[in-house]
Amino acid sequence: MTKLIVQGIPSSAAPSRQAEVHSLVDALIEKRLEEVAEIEQMVQRYERRVQKEEQAYRTMSTFRKFLSGKKPDHHAAVEYIHYVKKPLEKARKLREEIARYEAMKLNGEYIEE
């Protein structure tokens, strides 16, 4: 799927087409912003859960710590990559995409497929 970016609006295009394109770009930007917000909420929930687990482990008696055990460090690292690092990378890419859409909107460009 190759997208061609065309500079400016051709003179034959009606102003209604430009308004339609702008409304579609605005809707797409809103959708991407919602995705970013969902990702950030997911990361915050994970960090709160991990913090609560660590706090509960620290408050345990020595005997209960011995019986319950703790996740190995490499498991915690893999969880961090899966639940924090990769989603935040996706959010960063979505923000870059939003910036491109806003720049296209300001410059009067539109996308043809």
C-alpha atoms as a PDB file:
ATOM      1  CA  MET A   1       0.000   0.000   0.000  1.00  0.00           C
ATOM      2  CA  THR A   2       1.899   2.990  -1.286  1.00  0.00           C
ATOM      3  CA  LYS A   3       0.655   6.427  -0.387  1.00  0.00           C
ATOM      4  CA  LEU A   4       1.376   9.407  -2.589  1.00  0.00           C
ATOM      5  CA  ILE A   5       1.585  12.791  -0.917  1.00  0.00           C
ATOM      6  CA  VAL A   6       0.409  15.552  -3.200  1.00  0.00           C
ATOM      7  CA  GLN A   7       1.418  19.156  -2.519  1.00  0.00           C
ATOM      8  CA  GLY A   8      -1.488  21.572  -2.311  1.00  0.00           C
ATOM      9  CA  ILE A   9      -5.054  21.089  -3.430  1.00  0.00           C
ATOM     10  CA  PRO A  10      -5.652  21.072  -7.209  1.00  0.00           C
ATOM     11  CA  SER A  11      -7.681  24.009  -8.471  1.00  0.00           C
ATOM     12  CA  SER A  12     -10.403  21.651  -9.712  1.00  0.00           C
ATOM     13  CA  ALA A  13     -11.038  20.362  -6.184  1.00  0.00           C
ATOM     14  CA  ALA A  14     -13.940  22.002  -4.422  1.00  0.00           C
ATOM     15  CA  PRO A  15     -13.490  23.638  -1.018  1.00  0.00           C
ATOM     16  CA  SER A  16     -15.865  20.995   0.340  1.00  0.00           C
ATOM     17  CA  ARG A  17     -13.328  18.301  -0.577  1.00  0.00           C
ATOM     18  CA  GLN A  18     -10.638  20.152   1.365  1.00  0.00           C
ATOM     19  CA  ALA A  19     -12.960  20.440   4.357  1.00  0.00           C
ATOM     20  CA  GLU A  20     -13.759  16.734   4.065  1.00  0.00           C
ATOM     21  CA  VAL A  21     -10.069  15.838   4.027  1.00  0.00           C
ATOM     22  CA  HIS A  22      -9.427  18.070   7.049  1.00  0.00           C
ATOM     23  CA  SER A  23     -12.273  16.459   8.977  1.00  0.00           C
ATOM     24  CA  LEU A  24     -10.932  12.993   8.154  1.00  0.00           C
ATOM     25  CA  VAL A  25      -7.430  13.977   9.267  1.00  0.00           C
ATOM     26  CA  ASP A  26      -8.854  15.450  12.478  1.00  0.00           C
ATOM     27  CA  ALA A  27     -10.744  12.215  13.155  1.00  0.00           C
ATOM     28  CA  LEU A  28      -7.592  10.194  12.521  1.00  0.00           C
ATOM     29  CA  ILE A  29      -5.589  12.424  14.868  1.00  0.00           C
ATOM     30  CA  GLU A  30      -8.230  11.988  17.597  1.00  0.00           C
ATOM     31  CA  LYS A  31      -8.160   8.212  17.155  1.00  0.00           C
ATOM     32  CA  ARG A  32      -4.365   8.131  17.448  1.00  0.00           C
ATOM     33  CA  LEU A  33      -4.471  10.342  20.562  1.00  0.00           C
ATOM     34  CA  GLU A  34      -6.940   7.920  22.152  1.00  0.00           C
ATOM     35  CA  GLU A  35      -4.621   5.008  21.355  1.00  0.00           C
ATOM     36  CA  VAL A  36      -1.706   6.850  22.992  1.00  0.00           C
ATOM     37  CA  ALA A  37      -3.820   7.545  26.090  1.00  0.00           C
ATOM     38  CA  GLU A  38      -4.831   3.874  26.331  1.00  0.00           C
ATOM     39  CA  ILE A  39      -1.213   2.753  26.067  1.00  0.00           C
ATOM     40  CA  GLU A  40      -0.122   5.180  28.778  1.00  0.00           C
ATOM     41  CA  GLN A  41      -2.934   4.010  31.072  1.00  0.00           C
ATOM     42  CA  MET A  42      -1.926   0.384  30.531  1.00  0.00           C
ATOM     43  CA  VAL A  43       1.687   1.185  31.446  1.00  0.00           C
ATOM     44  CA  GLN A  44       0.601   3.075  34.570  1.00  0.00           C
ATOM     45  CA  ARG A  45      -1.602   0.163  35.695  1.00  0.00           C
ATOM     46  CA  TYR A  46       1.310  -2.243  35.237  1.00  0.00           C
ATOM     47  CA  GLU A  47       3.698   0.001  37.198  1.00  0.00           C
ATOM     48  CA  ARG A  48       1.182   0.377  40.054  1.00  0.00           C
ATOM     49  CA  ARG A  49       0.677  -3.401  40.175  1.00  0.00           C
ATOM     50  CA  VAL A  50       4.420  -4.072  40.289  1.00  0.00           C
ATOM     51  CA  GLN A  51       4.886  -1.438  42.981  1.00  0.00           C
ATOM     52  CA  LYS A  52       2.137  -3.023  45.110  1.00  0.00           C
ATOM     53  CA  GLU A  53       3.678  -6.474  44.663  1.00  0.00           C
ATOM     54  CA  GLU A  54       7.100  -5.187  45.721  1.00  0.00           C
ATOM     55  CA  GLN A  55       5.620  -3.414  48.732  1.00  0.00           C
ATOM     56  CA  ALA A  56       3.732  -6.544  49.786  1.00  0.00           C
ATOM     57  CA  TYR A  57       6.900  -8.633  49.434  1.00  0.00           C
ATOM     58  CA  ARG A  58       8.915  -6.166  51.539  1.00  0.00           C
ATOM     59  CA  THR A  59       6.368  -6.219  54.362  1.00  0.00           C
ATOM     60  CA  MET A  60       6.383 -10.034  54.592  1.00  0.00           C
ATOM     61  CA  SER A  61       8.154 -11.825  57.380  1.00  0.00           C
ATOM     62  CA  THR A  62      11.365 -13.644  56.555  1.00  0.00           C
ATOM     63  CA  PHE A  63       9.658 -17.022  56.755  1.00  0.00           C
ATOM     64  CA  ARG A  64       6.851 -15.963  54.378  1.00  0.00           C
ATOM     65  CA  LYS A  65       9.421 -14.524  51.961  1.00  0.00           C
ATOM     66  CA  PHE A  66      11.198 -17.870  52.025  1.00  0.00           C
ATOM     67  CA  LEU A  67       7.966 -19.732  51.233  1.00  0.00           C
ATOM     68  CA  SER A  68       6.590 -17.347  48.616  1.00  0.00           C
ATOM     69  CA  GLY A  69       9.757 -16.667  46.653  1.00  0.00           C
ATOM     70  CA  LYS A  70      10.305 -13.782  44.296  1.00  0.00           C
ATOM     71  CA  LYS A  71      10.402 -13.575  40.520  1.00  0.00           C
ATOM     72  CA  PRO A  72      13.878 -13.943  39.079  1.00  0.00           C
ATOM     73  CA  ASP A  73      15.351 -10.678  37.805  1.00  0.00           C
ATOM     74  CA  HIS A  74      15.356 -11.812  34.192  1.00  0.00           C
ATOM     75  CA  HIS A  75      11.583 -12.475  34.401  1.00  0.00           C
ATOM     76  CA  ALA A  76      11.046  -8.972  35.712  1.00  0.00           C
ATOM     77  CA  ALA A  77      13.180  -7.599  32.873  1.00  0.00           C
ATOM     78  CA  VAL A  78      11.177  -9.472  30.236  1.00  0.00           C
ATOM     79  CA  GLU A  79       7.920  -8.255  31.783  1.00  0.00           C
ATOM     80  CA  TYR A  80       9.235  -4.691  31.756  1.00  0.00           C
ATOM     81  CA  ILE A  81      10.096  -4.940  28.068  1.00  0.00           C
ATOM     82  CA  HIS A  82       6.704  -6.456  27.237  1.00  0.00           C
ATOM     83  CA  TYR A  83       4.497  -4.194  29.378  1.00  0.00           C
ATOM     84  CA  VAL A  84       6.438  -0.905  29.374  1.00  0.00           C
ATOM     85  CA  LYS A  85       9.207  -0.514  26.818  1.00  0.00           C
ATOM     86  CA  LYS A  86       7.441  -1.809  23.692  1.00  0.00           C
ATOM     87  CA  PRO A  87       4.122  -0.029  24.376  1.00  0.00           C
ATOM     88  CA  LEU A  88       5.920   3.267  25.036  1.00  0.00           C
ATOM     89  CA  GLU A  89       7.827   2.811  21.767  1.00  0.00           C
ATOM     90  CA  LYS A  90       4.499   2.315  19.998  1.00  0.00           C
ATOM     91  CA  ALA A  91       3.138   5.469  21.658  1.00  0.00           C
ATOM     92  CA  ARG A  92       6.196   7.429  20.489  1.00  0.00           C
ATOM     93  CA  LYS A  93       5.609   6.256  16.893  1.00  0.00           C
ATOM     94  CA  LEU A  94       1.947   7.231  17.121  1.00  0.00           C
ATOM     95  CA  ARG A  95       2.932  10.715  18.325  1.00  0.00           C
ATOM     96  CA  GLU A  96       5.297  11.059  15.344  1.00  0.00           C
ATOM     97  CA  GLU A  97       2.457  10.006  13.053  1.00  0.00           C
ATOM     98  CA  ILE A  98       0.172  12.607  14.654  1.00  0.00           C
ATOM     99  CA  ALA A  99       2.836  15.278  14.113  1.00  0.00           C
ATOM    100  CA  ARG A 100       3.061  14.318  10.417  1.00  0.00           C
ATOM    101  CA  TYR A 101      -0.725  14.555  10.030  1.00  0.00           C
ATOM    102  CA  GLU A 102      -0.805  17.965  11.702  1.00  0.00           C
ATOM    103  CA  ALA A 103       2.029  19.200   9.484  1.00  0.00           C
ATOM    104  CA  MET A 104       0.190  17.974   6.386  1.00  0.00           C
ATOM    105  CA  LYS A 105      -2.955  19.742   7.549  1.00  0.00           C
ATOM    106  CA  LEU A 106      -1.095  23.024   8.086  1.00  0.00           C
ATOM    107  CA  ASN A 107       0.694  22.834   4.734  1.00  0.00           C
ATOM    108  CA  GLY A 108      -2.460  22.035   2.763  1.00  0.00           C
ATOM    109  CA  GLU A 109      -1.251  18.602   1.713  1.00  0.00           C
ATOM    110  CA  TYR A 110      -3.417  15.542   1.444  1.00  0.00           C
ATOM    111  CA  ILE A 111      -2.873  11.852   0.856  1.00  0.00           C
ATOM    112  CA  GLU A 112      -4.030   9.943  -2.204  1.00  0.00           C
ATOM    113  CA  GLU A 113      -4.163   6.170  -2.121  1.00  0.00           C
END
